[in-house]
Protein backbone atom coordinates (compact mmCIF):
# COMPACT_ATOMS: atom_id res chain seq x y z
CA MET A 1 -48.60 -13.81 -59.34
CA ASP A 2 -50.71 -13.60 -56.21
CA ARG A 3 -52.38 -10.20 -56.22
CA PRO A 4 -53.11 -8.17 -53.08
CA GLY A 5 -56.51 -8.68 -51.52
CA HIS A 6 -56.58 -12.45 -51.94
CA ASP A 7 -55.21 -14.41 -49.01
CA GLY A 8 -53.17 -11.28 -48.35
CA PRO A 9 -50.85 -10.19 -45.58
CA PRO A 10 -51.90 -9.82 -41.95
CA ASP A 11 -53.62 -6.71 -40.70
CA ARG A 12 -51.52 -4.18 -38.80
CA VAL A 13 -51.61 -4.56 -35.02
CA SER A 14 -54.46 -2.17 -34.20
CA ASP A 15 -55.31 -2.88 -30.54
CA VAL A 16 -52.38 -3.67 -28.31
CA HIS A 17 -54.72 -4.64 -25.44
CA ALA A 18 -56.12 -7.47 -27.55
CA ALA A 19 -52.68 -8.80 -28.40
CA THR A 20 -51.83 -12.28 -27.29
CA ALA A 21 -49.06 -12.33 -24.67
CA LEU A 22 -46.13 -14.39 -25.93
CA THR A 23 -42.80 -15.06 -24.29
CA PRO A 24 -40.57 -12.04 -25.02
CA PRO A 25 -37.51 -12.80 -27.15
CA SER A 26 -34.11 -12.62 -25.59
CA ALA A 27 -31.91 -9.71 -26.61
CA GLY A 28 -29.90 -10.48 -29.75
CA THR A 29 -32.09 -13.43 -30.82
CA ILE A 30 -34.17 -11.52 -33.41
CA ASP A 31 -32.50 -10.73 -36.71
CA GLU A 32 -32.93 -7.30 -38.28
CA GLU A 33 -35.25 -8.37 -41.10
CA ARG A 34 -37.65 -10.18 -38.76
CA ALA A 35 -37.62 -7.28 -36.30
CA PHE A 36 -38.16 -4.72 -39.06
CA LEU A 37 -41.20 -6.53 -40.46
CA ALA A 38 -42.60 -7.01 -36.97
CA LEU A 39 -42.28 -3.31 -36.16
CA ALA A 40 -43.87 -2.46 -39.51
CA THR A 41 -47.10 -4.15 -38.39
CA VAL A 42 -47.50 -2.01 -35.25
CA ARG A 43 -49.97 0.85 -35.52
CA GLY A 44 -48.17 4.14 -35.03
CA ILE A 45 -44.85 2.82 -36.32
CA GLY A 46 -44.59 3.65 -39.98
CA GLN A 47 -42.15 4.61 -42.71
CA LYS A 48 -40.92 7.83 -41.08
CA THR A 49 -40.47 6.27 -37.63
CA LEU A 50 -38.48 3.34 -38.99
CA PHE A 51 -36.40 5.63 -41.22
CA ALA A 52 -35.62 7.81 -38.19
CA MET A 53 -34.52 4.73 -36.23
CA ALA A 54 -32.15 3.80 -39.02
CA ASP A 55 -30.87 7.39 -39.27
CA ASP A 56 -30.08 7.20 -35.55
CA LYS A 57 -28.21 3.93 -36.18
CA ARG A 58 -30.55 2.13 -33.81
CA SER A 59 -31.05 -1.55 -34.60
CA PHE A 60 -34.58 -2.75 -35.29
CA SER A 61 -33.98 -5.76 -33.06
CA ASP A 62 -33.24 -3.45 -30.12
CA ALA A 63 -36.32 -1.35 -30.89
CA LEU A 64 -38.44 -4.49 -30.92
CA GLU A 65 -36.84 -5.81 -27.72
CA TYR A 66 -37.08 -2.67 -25.63
CA GLY A 67 -39.73 -0.59 -27.42
CA PRO A 68 -39.52 2.20 -30.01
CA GLU A 69 -39.17 4.87 -27.29
CA ALA A 70 -36.64 3.04 -25.13
CA SER A 71 -34.29 6.03 -25.27
CA ASN A 72 -37.13 8.14 -23.82
CA PRO A 73 -38.79 6.31 -20.90
CA ALA A 74 -41.75 8.72 -20.98
CA GLY A 75 -42.57 7.76 -24.55
CA SER A 76 -43.54 10.05 -27.40
CA ASP A 77 -46.86 10.98 -25.79
CA GLY A 78 -45.45 11.66 -22.32
CA LYS A 79 -46.93 8.51 -20.78
CA ALA A 80 -44.79 5.77 -19.35
CA ILE A 81 -44.62 2.60 -21.43
CA SER A 82 -44.65 -0.40 -19.16
CA GLU A 83 -42.50 -3.41 -19.92
CA ARG A 84 -45.54 -5.68 -19.62
CA HIS A 85 -47.53 -3.55 -22.07
CA TRP A 86 -44.75 -3.57 -24.67
CA SER A 87 -44.31 -7.31 -24.16
CA ARG A 88 -47.88 -7.86 -25.39
CA VAL A 89 -47.36 -5.58 -28.36
CA ARG A 90 -44.06 -7.22 -29.24
CA GLY A 91 -45.41 -10.74 -29.10
CA HIS A 92 -48.32 -9.97 -31.41
CA ALA A 93 -46.07 -7.95 -33.73
CA LEU A 94 -43.69 -10.88 -34.12
CA GLU A 95 -46.61 -13.13 -35.01
CA GLN A 96 -47.94 -10.66 -37.57
CA GLY A 97 -44.47 -9.87 -38.91
CA ASP A 98 -43.74 -13.56 -39.47
CA ARG A 99 -47.00 -13.91 -41.38
CA LEU A 100 -46.05 -10.91 -43.50
CA ALA A 101 -42.61 -12.40 -44.15
CA GLU A 102 -44.18 -15.66 -45.33
CA HIS A 103 -46.51 -13.76 -47.64
CA LEU A 104 -43.66 -11.75 -49.15
CA GLU A 105 -41.55 -14.86 -49.60
CA ALA A 106 -44.43 -16.61 -51.39
CA LEU A 107 -44.52 -13.70 -53.85
CA GLY A 108 -40.74 -13.74 -54.31
CA ILE A 109 -40.31 -10.35 -52.65
CA GLY A 110 -37.02 -9.87 -50.81
CA LEU A 111 -35.80 -7.18 -48.44
CA LEU A 112 -32.39 -5.53 -48.85
CA PHE A 113 -30.95 -3.24 -46.21
CA ARG A 114 -28.53 -0.50 -47.21
CA GLY A 115 -25.52 -2.58 -46.21
CA SER A 116 -26.80 -5.84 -47.72
CA PRO A 117 -25.06 -7.56 -50.64
CA GLY A 118 -26.97 -6.66 -53.78
CA PHE A 119 -28.21 -3.28 -52.55
CA PRO A 120 -27.82 -1.05 -55.64
CA SER A 121 -24.78 1.18 -55.16
CA ALA A 122 -26.29 3.80 -57.49
CA LEU A 123 -28.78 4.69 -54.75
CA LEU A 124 -25.91 5.62 -52.43
CA ASP A 125 -25.32 8.68 -54.62
CA LEU A 126 -28.49 10.19 -53.14
CA GLU A 127 -28.34 12.71 -50.32
CA ARG A 128 -30.78 10.50 -48.39
CA PRO A 129 -30.53 6.95 -49.77
CA PRO A 130 -33.24 4.51 -48.72
CA HIS A 131 -32.30 2.44 -45.68
CA TRP A 132 -34.07 -0.57 -47.21
CA LEU A 133 -35.51 -1.72 -50.50
CA PHE A 134 -38.12 -4.36 -51.25
CA VAL A 135 -37.25 -6.19 -54.47
CA GLN A 136 -39.26 -8.62 -56.57
CA GLY A 137 -37.49 -10.17 -59.54
CA SER A 138 -33.85 -9.82 -60.52
CA VAL A 139 -31.71 -8.11 -57.87
CA GLU A 140 -28.72 -8.31 -60.22
CA ARG A 141 -30.57 -6.15 -62.75
CA LEU A 142 -30.35 -3.20 -60.37
CA ALA A 143 -26.56 -3.12 -60.66
CA GLU A 144 -26.52 -2.86 -64.46
CA PRO A 145 -26.22 0.41 -66.42
CA SER A 146 -29.76 1.46 -67.22
CA ILE A 147 -31.81 4.22 -68.83
CA ALA A 148 -34.53 6.00 -66.86
CA ILE A 149 -37.48 7.01 -69.04
CA VAL A 150 -40.24 9.12 -67.52
CA GLY A 151 -42.99 11.50 -68.56
CA THR A 152 -46.55 12.71 -68.22
CA ARG A 153 -49.44 10.49 -67.18
CA LYS A 154 -51.53 12.00 -70.00
CA PRO A 155 -49.36 12.00 -73.11
CA SER A 156 -50.42 13.84 -76.24
CA ALA A 157 -50.02 12.36 -79.71
CA ASP A 158 -46.52 13.86 -79.68
CA GLY A 159 -45.77 12.12 -76.39
CA PHE A 160 -46.88 8.77 -77.81
CA PHE A 161 -44.62 9.36 -80.81
CA LEU A 162 -41.59 10.26 -78.70
CA SER A 163 -42.07 7.24 -76.44
CA ARG A 164 -42.21 5.00 -79.53
CA TYR A 165 -39.14 6.74 -80.90
CA VAL A 166 -37.16 6.00 -77.73
CA GLY A 167 -38.58 2.49 -77.70
CA ALA A 168 -37.23 1.91 -81.21
CA CYS A 169 -33.73 2.72 -79.93
CA LEU A 170 -33.77 0.44 -76.91
CA GLY A 171 -32.83 -2.72 -78.77
CA GLU A 172 -29.67 -1.08 -80.11
CA TRP A 173 -28.66 0.31 -76.75
CA GLY A 174 -29.25 -3.07 -75.12
CA VAL A 175 -29.50 -2.03 -71.46
CA PRO A 176 -32.38 -2.20 -68.97
CA THR A 177 -34.78 0.67 -68.50
CA VAL A 178 -36.17 2.25 -65.35
CA SER A 179 -39.58 3.85 -64.96
CA GLY A 180 -42.39 4.23 -62.43
CA LEU A 181 -45.25 1.99 -63.68
CA ALA A 182 -47.57 5.04 -63.68
CA ALA A 183 -50.17 5.42 -66.40
CA GLY A 184 -48.97 7.22 -69.51
CA ILE A 185 -45.32 7.54 -70.49
CA ASP A 186 -44.06 5.33 -67.65
CA GLN A 187 -46.13 2.33 -68.68
CA LEU A 188 -45.28 2.97 -72.33
CA ALA A 189 -41.59 2.89 -71.40
CA HIS A 190 -42.01 -0.52 -69.75
CA GLU A 191 -44.05 -1.84 -72.68
CA HIS A 192 -41.60 -0.61 -75.32
CA SER A 193 -38.75 -2.17 -73.33
CA LEU A 194 -40.50 -5.52 -73.29
CA ARG A 195 -41.17 -5.25 -77.02
CA ALA A 196 -37.50 -4.44 -77.64
CA GLY A 197 -36.39 -7.46 -75.61
CA VAL A 198 -34.62 -5.50 -72.85
CA PRO A 199 -35.45 -5.97 -69.15
CA THR A 200 -37.19 -3.16 -67.33
CA ILE A 201 -37.32 -2.02 -63.69
CA ALA A 202 -40.48 -0.56 -62.14
CA VAL A 203 -40.00 1.74 -59.14
CA LEU A 204 -43.21 1.97 -57.13
CA GLY A 205 -44.55 4.92 -55.17
CA THR A 206 -46.56 2.50 -53.00
CA GLY A 207 -45.89 -0.66 -51.07
CA MET A 208 -45.26 -3.86 -53.02
CA LEU A 209 -48.62 -5.35 -52.03
CA GLU A 210 -50.68 -2.43 -53.32
CA ASP A 211 -52.50 -2.92 -56.60
CA TYR A 212 -51.58 0.48 -58.00
CA PRO A 213 -52.16 1.71 -60.55
CA LYS A 214 -55.28 -0.38 -60.94
CA GLY A 215 -55.01 -2.86 -63.79
CA SER A 216 -51.20 -2.92 -63.87
CA GLY A 217 -50.97 -6.51 -62.60
CA ARG A 218 -50.47 -8.06 -66.03
CA LEU A 219 -47.67 -5.61 -66.86
CA ARG A 220 -46.00 -6.32 -63.51
CA ASP A 221 -46.14 -10.06 -64.23
CA HIS A 222 -44.64 -9.52 -67.70
CA ILE A 223 -41.81 -7.42 -66.24
CA LEU A 224 -40.94 -10.21 -63.81
CA ALA A 225 -41.27 -12.98 -66.40
CA THR A 226 -38.73 -11.28 -68.69
CA GLY A 227 -35.96 -10.79 -66.16
CA GLY A 228 -36.90 -7.36 -64.85
CA ALA A 229 -37.54 -6.16 -61.33
CA ILE A 230 -40.10 -4.29 -59.25
CA VAL A 231 -38.79 -2.26 -56.33
CA SER A 232 -40.12 -0.06 -53.55
CA GLU A 233 -38.73 1.56 -50.41
CA TYR A 234 -42.22 1.74 -48.86
CA LEU A 235 -43.68 -0.68 -46.36
CA PRO A 236 -45.53 -3.49 -48.17
CA THR A 237 -49.09 -2.23 -47.67
CA ALA A 238 -48.35 1.52 -47.92
CA SER A 239 -50.83 3.37 -50.10
CA TYR A 240 -50.06 6.16 -52.55
CA SER A 241 -49.55 9.84 -51.73
CA ALA A 242 -48.11 12.86 -53.50
CA GLU A 243 -45.10 12.85 -51.16
CA ASN A 244 -44.46 9.16 -51.81
CA PHE A 245 -44.36 9.73 -55.56
CA VAL A 246 -41.93 12.64 -55.24
CA GLN A 247 -39.59 10.52 -53.13
CA ARG A 248 -40.02 7.60 -55.55
CA ASN A 249 -38.77 9.86 -58.33
CA ARG A 250 -35.39 10.28 -56.64
CA LEU A 251 -34.87 6.50 -56.86
CA GLN A 252 -35.64 6.51 -60.59
CA ALA A 253 -33.17 9.33 -61.15
CA ALA A 254 -30.46 7.53 -59.16
CA LEU A 255 -30.92 4.06 -60.70
CA GLY A 256 -30.60 5.34 -64.26
CA ARG A 257 -27.20 6.22 -65.74
CA ILE A 258 -29.10 8.70 -67.90
CA LEU A 259 -32.58 10.22 -67.77
CA ILE A 260 -34.81 10.62 -70.83
CA PRO A 261 -37.97 12.67 -70.11
CA ALA A 262 -40.21 12.00 -73.10
CA GLU A 263 -42.99 14.57 -72.56
CA TRP A 264 -43.44 16.70 -69.47
CA ASN A 265 -44.25 20.11 -68.08
CA ARG A 266 -42.48 22.20 -65.49
CA ARG A 267 -45.01 21.51 -62.73
CA SER A 268 -45.09 17.74 -62.66
CA GLY A 269 -43.61 14.63 -61.15
CA THR A 270 -41.28 14.40 -64.12
CA ALA A 271 -39.91 17.84 -63.24
CA HIS A 272 -39.04 16.49 -59.78
CA THR A 273 -37.20 13.59 -61.41
CA ILE A 274 -35.25 16.02 -63.58
CA ARG A 275 -34.25 18.05 -60.51
CA PHE A 276 -33.06 14.90 -58.72
CA ALA A 277 -31.09 13.78 -61.79
CA THR A 278 -29.53 17.22 -62.09
CA ALA A 279 -28.47 17.18 -58.43
CA LEU A 280 -26.95 13.73 -58.97
CA GLY A 281 -25.04 14.89 -62.05
CA ARG A 282 -26.82 12.39 -64.29
CA PRO A 283 -26.91 13.16 -68.03
CA ILE A 284 -30.40 14.23 -69.14
CA ALA A 285 -31.56 13.90 -72.76
CA CYS A 286 -34.63 16.08 -73.34
CA LEU A 287 -36.49 15.49 -76.59
CA ARG A 288 -38.51 17.88 -78.69
CA LEU A 289 -40.13 17.87 -82.11
CA PRO A 290 -39.25 20.38 -84.87
CA GLU A 291 -42.64 22.11 -84.73
CA TRP A 292 -42.54 22.71 -80.98
CA PRO A 293 -41.91 26.29 -79.80
CA ASP A 294 -38.53 26.76 -78.15
CA GLU A 295 -40.08 27.55 -74.77
CA ARG A 296 -41.77 24.12 -74.58
CA VAL A 297 -38.49 22.48 -73.48
CA VAL A 298 -36.13 24.71 -71.54
CA LEU A 299 -33.25 23.67 -69.31
CA GLU A 300 -32.15 25.86 -66.41
CA ARG A 301 -29.58 25.74 -63.66
CA GLY A 302 -30.71 23.02 -61.26
CA MET A 303 -33.37 21.94 -63.74
CA GLY A 304 -31.43 20.04 -66.38
CA LEU A 305 -28.26 22.13 -66.39
CA PRO A 306 -25.38 21.62 -66.57
CA THR A 307 -25.75 17.90 -67.39
CA GLY A 308 -28.69 18.03 -69.80
CA GLU A 309 -29.04 18.61 -73.52
CA ILE A 310 -32.02 19.12 -75.81
CA PHE A 311 -32.34 17.01 -78.95
CA THR A 312 -34.75 17.77 -81.80
CA VAL A 313 -35.76 14.49 -83.35
CA PRO A 314 -35.30 13.08 -85.87
CA HIS A 315 -32.76 15.72 -86.96
CA ASP A 316 -30.48 15.22 -83.94
CA GLN A 317 -30.80 11.45 -83.79
CA GLY A 318 -27.10 10.75 -84.32
CA ARG A 319 -26.09 13.19 -81.58
CA PHE A 320 -28.81 11.83 -79.31
CA ASP A 321 -27.59 8.26 -79.84
CA ALA A 322 -24.00 9.23 -79.06
CA PHE A 323 -25.10 11.07 -75.89
CA VAL A 324 -26.97 8.03 -74.58
CA ARG A 325 -24.21 5.59 -75.50
CA SER A 326 -21.63 7.71 -73.70
CA ALA A 327 -23.76 7.67 -70.54
CA ILE A 328 -24.30 3.90 -70.51
CA GLY A 329 -20.80 2.99 -71.67
CA LYS A 330 -21.82 1.44 -74.98
CA SER A 331 -19.74 1.66 -78.16
CA SER A 332 -21.31 3.15 -81.25
CA PRO A 333 -22.16 0.87 -84.21
CA ALA A 334 -19.47 2.67 -86.26
CA GLN A 335 -16.85 1.69 -83.68
CA LEU A 336 -18.08 -1.89 -83.87
CA GLY A 337 -18.27 -1.93 -87.65
CA GLN A 338 -22.04 -2.43 -87.62
CA LEU A 339 -24.94 -0.83 -89.42
CA SER A 340 -27.32 1.28 -87.35
CA LEU A 341 -30.75 2.84 -87.79
CA PHE A 342 -28.96 6.14 -86.97
CA GLY A 343 -26.85 6.02 -90.12
CA ASP A 344 -23.49 7.80 -90.26
CA SER A 345 -24.57 11.13 -88.77
């Protein structure tokens, strides 16, 4: 897989006065994907601006044709935007956007808009679904019942044990997993999925072309090679930020039919994911060990309740298994007449 930084995508349009003047496109001749990628290369037009355009039901092709402030002739800064000036910007943006499109295509990265075939319907459960999604790998995987597994970036020995415990169950459940590729529990979830022979989906808090977290390239390649997918709603070269990771967590919560937080604390990214899953009505299976104090894992209204339950492992393993199977629509081994590592409990 071609990694960012080597023969990478074009730079964003940084100086509109240096842009080469090209013949402006005729209205209606630029498709939405090409227009979107072109606009994404213009300095000052970023994630929030494009999202706002989509919220306003304004087409990207119109925004590219007439300018992002066409509905306000004075522009966002109070200065008139001349047609000739925007023509130069537009021409250079199309050139840069086409280069970006070629780079994404070479990496097998596709772009799905909210109304596109293949856009995961689970994301439509969100209060503010993404208007677009960049996908590398299996688009079909996003439509399958899956298990979201998340947790701390700095797991303790107990966290490592619980992640291995969940990993040992994945082969029996036989559905894809969802996590965030972050160091710690997230990467362990992906690795245990691969070891169990089930595909896994990585939801990024950065653009697809960012090498983050550092050193995750081999894991990303393995995810893709085994039928998984890597997805992001951020523009391809977007860097990381705390806000981006919080918003990323809502996608993890929505894509999973059930959420399993392996190890976490109440002030963390995982806590945000639990809140999103609670708001969505997703089942939440919180794990604890017998020696943990009761206050270490507590569910409250809006924070795991009413859809969550706490399972002490290994004592509650049979109940835990049944809870997960119910969420993903899988029959129990007893119903299928098979033996299980969970026994008859």
